[in-house]
Amino acid sequence: MKHFARWTLKLMAPAVSACLALLIAGSTAQTPPTMPLVDLSIGPTAVNPQAVNIALALSVEFPTVGSAYRSSNYNHATTYLGYFDPRGCYNYKDLTAGAPLAGDYFYRTGTVDASGYCDFGGSTGRFSGNALNYVTTSSIDVLRYALTGGHRLVDTASTTILARAYLYNGWDLHNSTYFPAKRIPQAMVGKVIPPLIANSDVIGGGCKDKVWFGTSTASVTCDTAGATSSGSLNPTGAVGTVTLTTTNVVTVPRGDPAPAGGVFQTTTWTLKTTGQTTSTVQPTAGPITFDDVPIAVPNGTTTSAPPAPITTATAFITTTYTLVAGTSTLTPPAPPAPRRHRLRANVPLSGTRYFTSIAPSLPYRTLQLTARPGNTNSVNVCRTGSDQDNPGDFKGPLDPSTNSPTDVAGGSCGGTGAYAGFPNRGRVRSGLPRNVYEKLQAVNTYGIYTAQNIYRAYTLQREYDLYDGFDNYVVSSTSVGTATATTTGVIYARVRVCDDSEKTTRSDLCERYPNGNYKPIGEIQRKATGVPGGLRVSA
């Protein structure tokens, strides 16, 4: 680590432009207290007990985003510093359900063996952190590593994911000047990187926020690198160890001991007996509803809900009809009213009404044919005789408004109509007044009824339900298994750090925060922990 500190100071020594300020302050309040002048000759500021401010003017220019390691061949004897632990083994693509960034990052699976390799039996992580640092790290990543521990792409209470600097968009993969191709010798393939190909060197490189592996050093665009020999070796499948959690709900009688590992959720109640509810209210104005407040009962904390409303349709039994006294009608009532007639009545025939001198078959009515006022003869009729004194049989019409005989129209007698057989039109003088007859018809007369619905009567009787209680617990169990997935072949230069696999062993990067979480911090931050007020970094 001393060598790294010296390397960092050399990197920052030529600084000529001030774009980053590192402040070691004696107060973390929003308004810092007034600082006294400090005599820097009294000793190093890192051990000076008096609060001080330090500003570092750093040169962070275009080439600084370029590759930190520009040798064309990986040297296994060299320790390459960066966001990856050189002693760690890593796998790509976290298959854990709900993983951030869809799991598109490297995560640590173990530690290299005594030879610094990741090809030992059972290892699911075949990428050496040392080789990944060689291929992916840019110079500014080392600067960030020293200052703050790295660029945090994901920073939550439980997860920290560092991302390599985003390389200039105009640089293609294997940019010869700033981010050249990195060669992993054939002898190291399968040991520091997975066996992506047999009997061949592997060429690694970076562009934008991605990492590509292939067999060619040709410079190609970043977005199409996977379709060329410069980036065709990126795996298109992922294998990882995942933890599966199975959750079951266990129910025990209320008050019984909880199952092992169970977390109480709620108490449910199962109906023991059913109740009934009735009413004597006649539902004449709508449904009967039950809104009485239930009361508490033993062995239960609730009662049955009010029953469904009893509607008039539910309570209906039948309809009865009552005769309206003193009324009648010739029109039969429509069903379902009664059709029973009270008596038969004789009424005139429909249409033109006639009188005759010949008594018809029953029913008929008798009326008198009289002389006209101031005359000795009657109205004109159709006769069988030719003389008014000897008229023979005769027939004529009745005036519907006066209900009495009236003149027959001229030219109506005889023929085949109503006056067939009575050919002579004339008056009658003999035998006046005399009886004549009108043919009637017999019809039924009906009573007029009023309808009345009959309903069931109900009596309200409360019968409350009793319940058995059951306590519900959630019991979870975990199992570890191997999962596989198909990937797009795109690898991002990201790594999860300071997780359970390395939080206590990677002391050069991970520091325990007061809340118990481990987070990456920079070496300069670590060295400033003895300064009153700690360290503040602002850009």
Protein backbone atom coordinates (compact mmCIF):
# COMPACT_ATOMS: atom_id res chain seq x y z
CA MET A 1 0.00 0.00 0.00
CA LYS A 2 2.99 2.37 0.56
CA HIS A 3 3.96 1.82 -3.07
CA PHE A 4 0.42 2.73 -4.11
CA ALA A 5 0.50 5.96 -2.09
CA ARG A 6 3.73 7.01 -3.74
CA TRP A 7 2.29 6.13 -7.18
CA THR A 8 -0.74 8.29 -6.47
CA LEU A 9 1.39 11.24 -5.40
CA LYS A 10 3.39 10.95 -8.60
CA LEU A 11 0.16 10.93 -10.58
CA MET A 12 -1.00 14.12 -8.92
CA ALA A 13 2.39 15.89 -8.78
CA PRO A 14 2.18 17.62 -12.20
CA ALA A 15 -1.17 19.17 -11.29
CA VAL A 16 -1.60 22.57 -12.94
CA SER A 17 -5.38 23.13 -13.09
CA ALA A 18 -7.59 23.33 -10.03
CA CYS A 19 -10.71 21.19 -10.70
CA LEU A 20 -10.97 19.30 -7.43
CA ALA A 21 -10.65 20.63 -3.88
CA LEU A 22 -9.96 18.33 -0.95
CA LEU A 23 -10.93 19.95 2.33
CA ILE A 24 -9.85 18.71 5.72
CA ALA A 25 -12.07 20.72 8.03
CA GLY A 26 -12.48 21.05 11.76
CA SER A 27 -16.31 21.21 11.64
CA THR A 28 -19.04 19.39 9.71
CA ALA A 29 -21.67 22.08 10.29
CA GLN A 30 -23.15 23.95 7.37
CA THR A 31 -21.36 27.14 8.51
CA PRO A 32 -17.80 26.17 9.56
CA PRO A 33 -16.22 28.09 12.42
CA THR A 34 -13.52 30.70 11.77
CA MET A 35 -10.18 28.92 11.49
CA PRO A 36 -7.03 30.44 12.98
CA LEU A 37 -3.89 30.78 10.89
CA VAL A 38 -1.72 27.69 11.02
CA ASP A 39 2.03 27.63 10.95
CA LEU A 40 2.70 24.74 8.57
CA SER A 41 6.25 24.56 9.85
CA ILE A 42 5.11 23.02 13.10
CA GLY A 43 4.64 19.61 11.56
CA PRO A 44 2.72 17.48 9.06
CA THR A 45 -0.93 18.45 8.79
CA ALA A 46 -2.04 14.83 9.06
CA VAL A 47 -0.86 14.71 12.68
CA ASN A 48 -1.39 18.34 13.54
CA PRO A 49 -4.01 18.48 16.35
CA GLN A 50 -5.18 21.85 15.17
CA ALA A 51 -8.02 21.96 12.57
CA VAL A 52 -6.75 22.96 9.15
CA ASN A 53 -7.90 23.31 5.53
CA ILE A 54 -5.90 21.86 2.66
CA ALA A 55 -6.59 22.48 -1.04
CA LEU A 56 -5.00 20.26 -3.66
CA ALA A 57 -4.88 21.55 -7.23
CA LEU A 58 -5.00 18.46 -9.44
CA SER A 59 -4.45 17.98 -13.15
CA VAL A 60 -7.42 15.99 -14.40
CA GLU A 61 -7.28 16.22 -18.16
CA PHE A 62 -8.47 14.32 -21.20
CA PRO A 63 -5.81 11.55 -21.05
CA THR A 64 -6.58 10.91 -17.38
CA VAL A 65 -9.64 8.91 -18.41
CA GLY A 66 -7.36 6.66 -20.47
CA SER A 67 -6.06 3.29 -19.41
CA ALA A 68 -4.15 3.12 -16.12
CA TYR A 69 -2.11 0.15 -17.41
CA ARG A 70 -0.91 0.50 -20.98
CA SER A 71 1.37 -2.48 -21.28
CA SER A 72 0.12 -4.73 -24.05
CA ASN A 73 0.48 -8.00 -22.11
CA TYR A 74 -0.87 -9.13 -18.77
CA ASN A 75 1.92 -9.91 -16.29
CA HIS A 76 0.71 -12.27 -13.61
CA ALA A 77 3.56 -11.25 -11.32
CA THR A 78 2.32 -7.64 -11.25
CA THR A 79 -0.37 -6.47 -8.84
CA TYR A 80 -2.80 -4.23 -10.70
CA LEU A 81 -4.74 -1.91 -8.39
CA GLY A 82 -8.33 -0.84 -9.06
CA TYR A 83 -11.89 -1.35 -7.96
CA PHE A 84 -11.46 -5.14 -8.05
CA ASP A 85 -9.57 -6.85 -5.25
CA PRO A 86 -6.44 -8.32 -6.94
CA ARG A 87 -6.81 -11.28 -4.56
CA GLY A 88 -10.48 -11.90 -5.40
CA CYS A 89 -12.31 -14.14 -7.84
CA TYR A 90 -15.36 -12.69 -9.58
CA ASN A 91 -18.37 -13.85 -11.53
CA TYR A 92 -20.43 -11.69 -13.90
CA LYS A 93 -24.23 -11.34 -13.82
CA ASP A 94 -25.89 -11.56 -10.43
CA LEU A 95 -28.90 -13.86 -10.83
CA THR A 96 -30.37 -13.01 -7.43
CA ALA A 97 -34.01 -11.97 -7.71
CA GLY A 98 -34.36 -8.20 -7.46
CA ALA A 99 -30.64 -7.52 -7.99
CA PRO A 100 -29.94 -3.86 -8.86
CA LEU A 101 -29.04 -2.95 -12.45
CA ALA A 102 -30.66 -6.26 -13.48
CA GLY A 103 -27.57 -7.99 -12.05
CA ASP A 104 -25.29 -6.56 -14.76
CA TYR A 105 -22.10 -6.25 -12.69
CA PHE A 106 -19.23 -8.36 -11.34
CA TYR A 107 -19.54 -9.75 -7.83
CA ARG A 108 -17.00 -11.54 -5.68
CA THR A 109 -17.30 -15.28 -5.19
CA GLY A 110 -14.08 -16.10 -3.38
CA THR A 111 -10.32 -15.62 -3.12
CA VAL A 112 -7.58 -16.72 -5.50
CA ASP A 113 -5.58 -19.81 -4.67
CA ALA A 114 -1.91 -19.77 -3.67
CA SER A 115 -0.91 -19.26 -7.31
CA GLY A 116 -3.26 -16.32 -7.75
CA TYR A 117 -5.61 -18.33 -9.97
CA CYS A 118 -9.41 -18.74 -9.99
CA ASP A 119 -9.57 -22.20 -11.59
CA PHE A 120 -9.90 -24.25 -8.42
CA GLY A 121 -12.65 -26.87 -8.16
CA GLY A 122 -16.17 -25.62 -7.53
CA SER A 123 -15.35 -22.00 -8.32
CA THR A 124 -18.21 -20.21 -10.10
CA GLY A 125 -16.20 -17.00 -10.37
CA ARG A 126 -13.44 -17.48 -12.95
CA PHE A 127 -12.41 -13.83 -13.40
CA SER A 128 -9.38 -12.79 -11.37
CA GLY A 129 -9.71 -9.31 -9.85
CA ASN A 130 -6.09 -8.66 -10.80
CA ALA A 131 -6.79 -9.41 -14.49
CA LEU A 132 -9.99 -7.34 -14.44
CA ASN A 133 -8.11 -4.34 -12.99
CA TYR A 134 -5.52 -4.71 -15.77
CA VAL A 135 -8.20 -4.77 -18.49
CA THR A 136 -10.72 -2.24 -17.18
CA THR A 137 -9.06 0.41 -14.98
CA SER A 138 -8.62 3.99 -16.17
CA SER A 139 -6.24 6.50 -14.56
CA ILE A 140 -9.06 8.56 -13.09
CA ASP A 141 -10.44 5.41 -11.46
CA VAL A 142 -7.19 5.14 -9.50
CA LEU A 143 -7.54 8.78 -8.51
CA ARG A 144 -11.08 8.26 -7.35
CA TYR A 145 -10.01 5.10 -5.58
CA ALA A 146 -7.44 7.08 -3.61
CA LEU A 147 -9.73 10.01 -2.83
CA THR A 148 -13.16 8.49 -2.07
CA GLY A 149 -12.92 4.75 -2.70
CA GLY A 150 -14.38 4.90 -6.21
CA HIS A 151 -17.35 6.13 -8.23
CA ARG A 152 -20.53 4.70 -6.66
CA LEU A 153 -23.08 3.87 -9.33
CA VAL A 154 -25.35 2.17 -6.76
CA ASP A 155 -25.14 3.34 -3.16
CA THR A 156 -27.80 1.96 -0.81
CA ALA A 157 -27.67 0.83 2.78
CA SER A 158 -26.99 -2.76 1.75
CA THR A 159 -25.33 -2.50 -1.69
CA THR A 160 -22.47 -0.54 -3.22
CA ILE A 161 -21.58 -0.94 -6.89
CA LEU A 162 -18.58 0.92 -8.33
CA ALA A 163 -18.43 1.81 -12.02
CA ARG A 164 -15.37 2.35 -14.17
CA ALA A 165 -15.16 5.88 -15.64
CA TYR A 166 -17.28 6.29 -18.76
CA LEU A 167 -14.76 6.39 -21.59
CA TYR A 168 -14.94 9.05 -24.25
CA ASN A 169 -17.72 8.22 -26.72
CA GLY A 170 -15.40 8.82 -29.68
CA TRP A 171 -12.95 6.12 -28.60
CA ASP A 172 -13.58 2.80 -30.28
CA LEU A 173 -12.72 -0.51 -28.64
CA HIS A 174 -8.90 -0.94 -28.56
CA ASN A 175 -8.09 2.75 -29.01
CA SER A 176 -4.35 2.59 -29.63
CA THR A 177 -3.54 5.86 -27.85
CA TYR A 178 -5.71 6.04 -24.74
CA PHE A 179 -7.19 2.62 -24.06
CA PRO A 180 -5.21 0.06 -26.02
CA ALA A 181 -5.90 -3.66 -26.32
CA LYS A 182 -4.92 -5.84 -23.35
CA ARG A 183 -3.61 -9.32 -24.03
CA ILE A 184 -4.23 -12.25 -21.68
CA PRO A 185 -1.67 -14.91 -22.68
CA GLN A 186 -2.92 -18.35 -23.62
CA ALA A 187 -1.23 -19.80 -20.53
CA MET A 188 -3.44 -17.60 -18.28
CA VAL A 189 -6.73 -18.29 -20.08
CA GLY A 190 -8.82 -20.49 -17.80
CA LYS A 191 -6.79 -19.36 -14.78
CA VAL A 192 -7.31 -15.59 -14.47
CA ILE A 193 -10.26 -15.39 -16.85
CA PRO A 194 -12.74 -18.12 -17.81
CA PRO A 195 -11.72 -20.52 -20.61
CA LEU A 196 -13.40 -18.35 -23.25
CA ILE A 197 -11.42 -20.05 -26.03
CA ALA A 198 -8.93 -22.90 -26.32
CA ASN A 199 -5.34 -22.63 -27.55
CA SER A 200 -5.40 -18.87 -28.08
CA ASP A 201 -4.60 -15.60 -26.39
CA VAL A 202 -7.59 -13.49 -25.35
CA ILE A 203 -7.69 -9.77 -26.09
CA GLY A 204 -9.59 -7.60 -23.59
CA GLY A 205 -10.47 -3.95 -23.79
CA GLY A 206 -12.88 -1.22 -22.77
CA CYS A 207 -15.04 1.41 -24.42
CA LYS A 208 -17.81 3.59 -22.98
CA ASP A 209 -18.92 1.67 -19.83
CA LYS A 210 -18.38 -1.81 -21.32
CA VAL A 211 -15.75 -4.56 -21.41
CA TRP A 212 -15.18 -6.82 -24.42
CA PHE A 213 -13.13 -10.00 -24.88
CA GLY A 214 -12.11 -11.39 -28.25
CA THR A 215 -9.19 -12.65 -30.31
CA SER A 216 -8.45 -9.54 -32.39
CA THR A 217 -6.80 -6.23 -31.53
CA ALA A 218 -8.68 -4.46 -34.34
CA SER A 219 -10.33 -1.22 -33.29
CA VAL A 220 -14.12 -1.41 -33.75
CA THR A 221 -17.09 0.65 -32.59
CA CYS A 222 -18.24 -0.12 -29.08
CA ASP A 223 -21.87 -0.81 -29.98
CA THR A 224 -21.01 -3.45 -32.62
CA ALA A 225 -17.95 -5.01 -30.95
CA GLY A 226 -19.86 -8.14 -29.90
CA ALA A 227 -20.45 -9.05 -33.53
CA THR A 228 -16.72 -8.92 -34.37
CA SER A 229 -13.69 -11.00 -33.43
CA SER A 230 -12.62 -8.13 -31.17
CA GLY A 231 -15.50 -8.81 -28.80
CA SER A 232 -17.08 -12.11 -29.75
CA LEU A 233 -15.86 -14.06 -26.69
CA ASN A 234 -18.12 -12.33 -24.15
CA PRO A 235 -20.22 -15.08 -22.55
CA THR A 236 -23.88 -15.22 -23.58
CA GLY A 237 -24.87 -17.27 -20.58
CA ALA A 238 -24.50 -16.91 -16.83
CA VAL A 239 -24.26 -19.47 -14.05
CA GLY A 240 -24.53 -18.39 -10.45
CA THR A 241 -25.31 -19.53 -6.96
CA VAL A 242 -28.64 -18.18 -5.74
CA THR A 243 -30.47 -18.43 -2.46
CA LEU A 244 -34.11 -19.41 -2.77
CA THR A 245 -36.54 -18.43 -0.05
CA THR A 246 -39.73 -20.45 0.35
CA THR A 247 -42.52 -18.92 2.40
CA ASN A 248 -45.39 -20.91 3.87
CA VAL A 249 -48.31 -19.90 6.06
CA VAL A 250 -48.72 -22.17 9.10
CA THR A 251 -52.01 -22.04 11.01
CA VAL A 252 -52.36 -23.16 14.63
CA PRO A 253 -55.32 -22.95 17.02
CA ARG A 254 -55.52 -19.56 18.69
CA GLY A 255 -53.23 -19.38 21.71
CA ASP A 256 -51.14 -22.47 20.80
CA PRO A 257 -47.33 -22.09 20.63
CA ALA A 258 -45.96 -20.52 17.45
CA PRO A 259 -44.18 -22.81 14.95
CA ALA A 260 -40.39 -22.66 14.88
CA GLY A 261 -39.22 -19.60 13.00
CA GLY A 262 -42.77 -18.39 12.51
CA VAL A 263 -43.59 -14.69 12.29
CA PHE A 264 -47.12 -13.87 13.46
CA GLN A 265 -49.34 -12.33 10.80
CA THR A 266 -52.97 -12.30 11.86
CA THR A 267 -55.75 -14.22 13.56
CA THR A 268 -58.58 -15.61 11.44
CA TRP A 269 -61.92 -16.98 12.58
CA THR A 270 -63.78 -19.97 11.21
CA LEU A 271 -67.58 -20.16 11.54
CA LYS A 272 -68.70 -22.71 14.12
CA THR A 273 -72.52 -22.40 13.90
CA THR A 274 -74.76 -20.52 11.49
CA GLY A 275 -77.51 -18.16 12.58
CA GLN A 276 -80.86 -17.12 11.16
CA THR A 277 -82.60 -13.78 11.06
CA THR A 278 -86.30 -13.16 10.40
CA SER A 279 -88.80 -10.26 10.67
CA THR A 280 -92.53 -9.67 11.10
CA VAL A 281 -92.48 -6.33 9.27
CA GLN A 282 -94.69 -6.35 6.20
CA PRO A 283 -92.51 -5.08 3.31
CA THR A 284 -95.12 -2.76 1.80
CA ALA A 285 -92.76 0.16 1.16
CA GLY A 286 -89.61 -1.61 0.12
CA PRO A 287 -87.14 -4.19 1.42
CA ILE A 288 -86.72 -5.06 5.04
CA THR A 289 -83.14 -4.30 6.16
CA PHE A 290 -81.36 -5.36 9.33
CA ASP A 291 -78.99 -2.79 10.78
CA ASP A 292 -78.93 -3.71 14.44
CA VAL A 293 -75.44 -3.54 15.98
CA PRO A 294 -74.20 -7.09 16.73
CA ILE A 295 -73.10 -7.90 20.24
CA ALA A 296 -69.98 -9.77 21.36
CA VAL A 297 -70.39 -13.49 21.97
CA PRO A 298 -68.16 -16.09 23.68
CA ASN A 299 -65.46 -17.81 21.63
CA GLY A 300 -65.43 -15.12 18.99
CA THR A 301 -64.59 -11.50 18.39
CA THR A 302 -67.12 -10.94 15.63
CA THR A 303 -70.63 -11.98 14.66
CA SER A 304 -72.31 -12.71 11.42
CA ALA A 305 -73.11 -9.80 9.15
CA PRO A 306 -76.77 -8.74 8.86
CA PRO A 307 -78.68 -10.98 6.45
CA ALA A 308 -79.58 -9.91 2.98
CA PRO A 309 -82.63 -7.62 2.77
CA ILE A 310 -86.06 -9.28 2.52
CA THR A 311 -87.67 -7.65 -0.49
CA THR A 312 -91.36 -7.49 -1.35
CA ALA A 313 -90.68 -10.13 -3.98
CA THR A 314 -89.25 -12.43 -1.32
CA ALA A 315 -92.19 -11.90 1.05
CA PHE A 316 -94.94 -12.07 -1.62
CA ILE A 317 -97.39 -15.00 -1.34
CA THR A 318 -100.36 -14.27 -3.66
CA THR A 319 -102.82 -11.62 -4.85
CA THR A 320 -106.51 -11.64 -3.80
CA TYR A 321 -109.38 -9.67 -5.41
CA THR A 322 -112.27 -7.98 -3.55
CA LEU A 323 -115.58 -7.11 -5.26
CA VAL A 324 -116.40 -3.40 -5.26
CA ALA A 325 -119.99 -3.20 -4.00
CA GLY A 326 -122.60 -1.82 -6.39
CA THR A 327 -120.43 -1.89 -9.51
CA SER A 328 -120.49 -3.95 -12.66
CA THR A 329 -119.16 -3.86 -16.21
CA LEU A 330 -119.82 -5.63 -19.47
CA THR A 331 -116.06 -5.80 -20.21
CA PRO A 332 -114.45 -8.98 -18.88
CA PRO A 333 -111.52 -8.11 -16.54
CA ALA A 334 -108.03 -8.96 -17.77
CA PRO A 335 -106.27 -11.91 -16.10
CA PRO A 336 -105.33 -12.59 -13.41
CA ALA A 337 -108.47 -10.78 -12.06
CA PRO A 338 -111.61 -12.99 -11.64
CA ARG A 339 -113.82 -13.42 -14.75
CA ARG A 340 -116.93 -14.69 -12.90
CA HIS A 341 -120.14 -12.89 -14.10
CA ARG A 342 -122.81 -11.81 -11.72
CA LEU A 343 -125.84 -12.25 -14.13
CA ARG A 344 -126.84 -12.15 -17.79
CA ALA A 345 -128.16 -8.88 -19.29
CA ASN A 346 -130.19 -8.23 -22.49
CA VAL A 347 -128.72 -5.39 -24.52
CA PRO A 348 -129.41 -4.01 -28.02
CA LEU A 349 -127.62 -5.48 -30.97
CA SER A 350 -124.62 -3.57 -32.25
CA GLY A 351 -124.96 -1.39 -35.36
CA THR A 352 -128.30 -0.02 -36.67
CA ARG A 353 -131.19 -0.97 -34.43
CA TYR A 354 -134.59 -2.01 -35.90
CA PHE A 355 -138.19 -2.52 -34.78
CA THR A 356 -140.63 -4.98 -36.38
CA SER A 357 -144.29 -5.84 -36.10
CA ILE A 358 -143.29 -9.50 -35.85
CA ALA A 359 -142.24 -10.67 -32.39
CA PRO A 360 -138.71 -12.20 -32.74
CA SER A 361 -137.25 -15.00 -30.68
CA LEU A 362 -136.13 -14.07 -27.20
CA PRO A 363 -134.58 -11.91 -26.02
CA TYR A 364 -136.45 -8.86 -27.27
CA ARG A 365 -138.12 -5.77 -25.92
CA THR A 366 -141.60 -4.33 -26.67
CA LEU A 367 -142.20 -0.71 -27.55
CA GLN A 368 -145.18 1.15 -29.13
CA LEU A 369 -145.57 2.54 -32.58
CA THR A 370 -147.72 5.68 -32.26
CA ALA A 371 -149.17 8.27 -34.64
CA ARG A 372 -147.10 11.27 -35.39
CA PRO A 373 -148.02 14.39 -33.50
CA GLY A 374 -151.00 16.07 -35.22
CA ASN A 375 -151.43 13.08 -37.61
CA THR A 376 -153.29 9.82 -37.74
CA ASN A 377 -150.48 7.72 -39.15
CA SER A 378 -146.98 6.67 -38.08
CA VAL A 379 -143.47 7.25 -39.39
CA ASN A 380 -142.56 5.67 -42.74
CA VAL A 381 -141.77 1.97 -42.55
CA CYS A 382 -141.09 -0.87 -45.02
CA ARG A 383 -144.33 -2.91 -45.36
CA THR A 384 -145.47 -6.12 -46.92
CA GLY A 385 -148.91 -4.51 -47.65
CA SER A 386 -149.50 -1.66 -50.08
CA ASP A 387 -152.03 0.31 -48.03
CA GLN A 388 -151.50 2.18 -44.79
CA ASP A 389 -154.72 0.79 -43.43
CA ASN A 390 -153.68 -2.69 -44.45
CA PRO A 391 -149.93 -2.50 -43.96
CA GLY A 392 -149.29 -6.16 -43.31
CA ASP A 393 -146.02 -6.89 -41.55
CA PHE A 394 -143.54 -4.03 -41.42
CA LYS A 395 -140.01 -3.01 -40.25
CA GLY A 396 -138.25 0.27 -39.54
CA PRO A 397 -135.22 1.84 -37.84
CA LEU A 398 -134.87 3.12 -34.27
CA ASP A 399 -133.45 6.57 -33.50
CA PRO A 400 -130.42 5.79 -31.29
CA SER A 401 -130.65 9.14 -29.53
CA THR A 402 -134.35 8.84 -28.54
CA ASN A 403 -134.57 5.05 -28.58
CA SER A 404 -137.88 5.38 -30.55
CA PRO A 405 -139.10 4.58 -34.13
CA THR A 406 -138.00 6.91 -36.92
CA ASP A 407 -138.52 7.15 -40.72
CA VAL A 408 -136.92 4.65 -42.99
CA ALA A 409 -134.91 6.31 -45.74
CA GLY A 410 -136.39 6.41 -49.21
CA GLY A 411 -135.32 3.66 -51.54
CA SER A 412 -134.26 1.39 -48.72
CA CYS A 413 -137.17 -1.08 -48.76
CA GLY A 414 -136.92 -4.48 -50.36
CA GLY A 415 -133.79 -5.76 -51.90
CA THR A 416 -131.48 -8.15 -50.12
CA GLY A 417 -130.45 -5.98 -47.18
CA ALA A 418 -131.98 -5.41 -43.79
CA TYR A 419 -135.43 -4.81 -45.39
CA ALA A 420 -135.51 -7.87 -47.62
CA GLY A 421 -139.18 -9.10 -47.79
CA PHE A 422 -140.55 -5.65 -46.96
CA PRO A 423 -140.81 -4.01 -50.42
CA ASN A 424 -143.28 -1.15 -49.82
CA ARG A 425 -142.36 2.10 -48.17
CA GLY A 426 -145.22 3.89 -46.43
CA ARG A 427 -146.95 4.75 -43.23
CA VAL A 428 -149.16 2.71 -40.84
CA ARG A 429 -152.54 4.06 -39.75
CA SER A 430 -154.59 1.11 -38.60
CA GLY A 431 -154.40 -0.14 -35.02
CA LEU A 432 -152.35 2.75 -33.61
CA PRO A 433 -150.92 2.75 -31.09
CA ARG A 434 -149.70 -0.85 -31.50
CA ASN A 435 -146.87 -2.97 -30.12
CA VAL A 436 -143.66 -3.41 -32.08
CA TYR A 437 -140.52 -5.34 -31.13
CA GLU A 438 -136.67 -4.82 -31.00
CA LYS A 439 -134.39 -7.85 -31.14
CA LEU A 440 -131.91 -7.94 -28.19
CA GLN A 441 -128.84 -10.01 -27.33
CA ALA A 442 -127.98 -11.65 -23.97
CA VAL A 443 -124.52 -10.79 -22.49
CA ASN A 444 -122.70 -11.44 -19.20
CA THR A 445 -122.12 -8.66 -16.67
CA TYR A 446 -119.03 -8.71 -14.45
CA GLY A 447 -118.18 -7.42 -11.03
CA ILE A 448 -115.39 -4.85 -10.58
CA TYR A 449 -112.62 -6.02 -8.24
CA THR A 450 -109.71 -4.41 -6.45
CA ALA A 451 -106.39 -6.32 -6.11
CA GLN A 452 -104.66 -6.82 -2.78
CA ASN A 453 -101.24 -8.48 -2.34
CA ILE A 454 -100.72 -10.90 0.51
CA TYR A 455 -97.26 -11.06 2.14
CA ARG A 456 -95.54 -13.27 4.66
CA ALA A 457 -95.09 -11.72 8.09
CA TYR A 458 -91.66 -11.89 9.73
CA THR A 459 -90.37 -11.81 13.27
CA LEU A 460 -86.82 -10.56 13.90
CA GLN A 461 -84.81 -13.10 15.87
CA ARG A 462 -81.08 -12.57 16.44
CA GLU A 463 -78.96 -15.72 16.40
CA TYR A 464 -75.26 -14.83 16.43
CA ASP A 465 -72.53 -16.97 14.92
CA LEU A 466 -69.78 -18.51 17.02
CA TYR A 467 -66.22 -18.74 15.70
CA ASP A 468 -63.08 -20.76 16.30
CA GLY A 469 -59.90 -18.67 16.20
CA PHE A 470 -56.67 -19.60 14.42
CA ASP A 471 -53.30 -17.80 14.52
CA ASN A 472 -51.44 -17.54 11.21
CA TYR A 473 -47.64 -17.50 11.05
CA VAL A 474 -45.30 -17.09 8.11
CA VAL A 475 -42.47 -19.62 8.16
CA SER A 476 -39.64 -19.07 5.68
CA SER A 477 -36.97 -21.54 4.66
CA THR A 478 -33.97 -20.97 2.43
CA SER A 479 -32.04 -23.21 0.11
CA VAL A 480 -28.96 -22.60 -2.01
CA GLY A 481 -28.88 -23.71 -5.61
CA THR A 482 -27.33 -23.03 -8.98
CA ALA A 483 -29.17 -20.96 -11.54
CA THR A 484 -28.47 -20.36 -15.22
CA ALA A 485 -29.59 -17.57 -17.54
CA THR A 486 -29.10 -16.42 -21.11
CA THR A 487 -27.43 -13.01 -21.41
CA THR A 488 -26.91 -10.48 -24.20
CA GLY A 489 -23.13 -10.85 -24.17
CA VAL A 490 -22.66 -7.26 -22.99
CA ILE A 491 -20.37 -6.91 -19.94
CA TYR A 492 -20.36 -3.65 -17.99
CA ALA A 493 -17.30 -2.42 -16.10
CA ARG A 494 -19.00 -2.50 -12.71
CA VAL A 495 -18.28 -4.36 -9.50
CA ARG A 496 -20.13 -4.83 -6.23
CA VAL A 497 -17.82 -4.09 -3.31
CA CYS A 498 -17.77 -4.25 0.49
CA ASP A 499 -20.50 -6.90 0.61
CA ASP A 500 -20.54 -9.90 2.93
CA SER A 501 -17.88 -11.66 0.85
CA GLU A 502 -15.20 -9.02 1.55
CA LYS A 503 -16.38 -6.35 3.97
CA THR A 504 -14.13 -7.51 6.82
CA THR A 505 -11.21 -8.80 4.74
CA ARG A 506 -10.68 -6.00 2.22
CA SER A 507 -9.39 -3.49 4.74
CA ASP A 508 -7.69 -1.33 2.07
CA LEU A 509 -11.13 -0.29 0.76
CA CYS A 510 -13.99 -1.15 3.11
CA GLU A 511 -14.69 0.82 6.27
CA ARG A 512 -17.48 0.18 8.79
CA TYR A 513 -19.81 3.17 9.10
CA PRO A 514 -21.51 4.05 12.42
CA ASN A 515 -24.75 2.48 11.20
CA GLY A 516 -22.99 -0.89 10.81
CA ASN A 517 -22.79 -0.90 6.99
CA TYR A 518 -19.47 -1.22 5.19
CA LYS A 519 -18.66 1.29 2.48
CA PRO A 520 -15.59 2.01 0.32
CA ILE A 521 -13.45 4.99 1.37
CA GLY A 522 -10.32 6.48 -0.16
CA GLU A 523 -6.81 6.08 1.18
CA ILE A 524 -6.53 9.85 1.71
CA GLN A 525 -9.79 9.80 3.67
CA ARG A 526 -8.41 6.99 5.81
CA LYS A 527 -5.18 8.90 6.51
CA ALA A 528 -7.18 11.97 7.56
CA THR A 529 -9.18 10.18 10.23
CA GLY A 530 -6.95 11.65 12.95
CA VAL A 531 -7.64 15.24 11.92
CA PRO A 532 -10.28 16.99 14.07
CA GLY A 533 -13.55 17.32 12.11
CA GLY A 534 -12.56 14.64 9.55
CA LEU A 535 -12.47 15.12 5.76
CA ARG A 536 -14.71 16.84 3.25
CA VAL A 537 -14.31 16.47 -0.50
CA SER A 538 -15.87 18.88 -2.99
CA ALA A 539 -15.39 19.22 -6.73
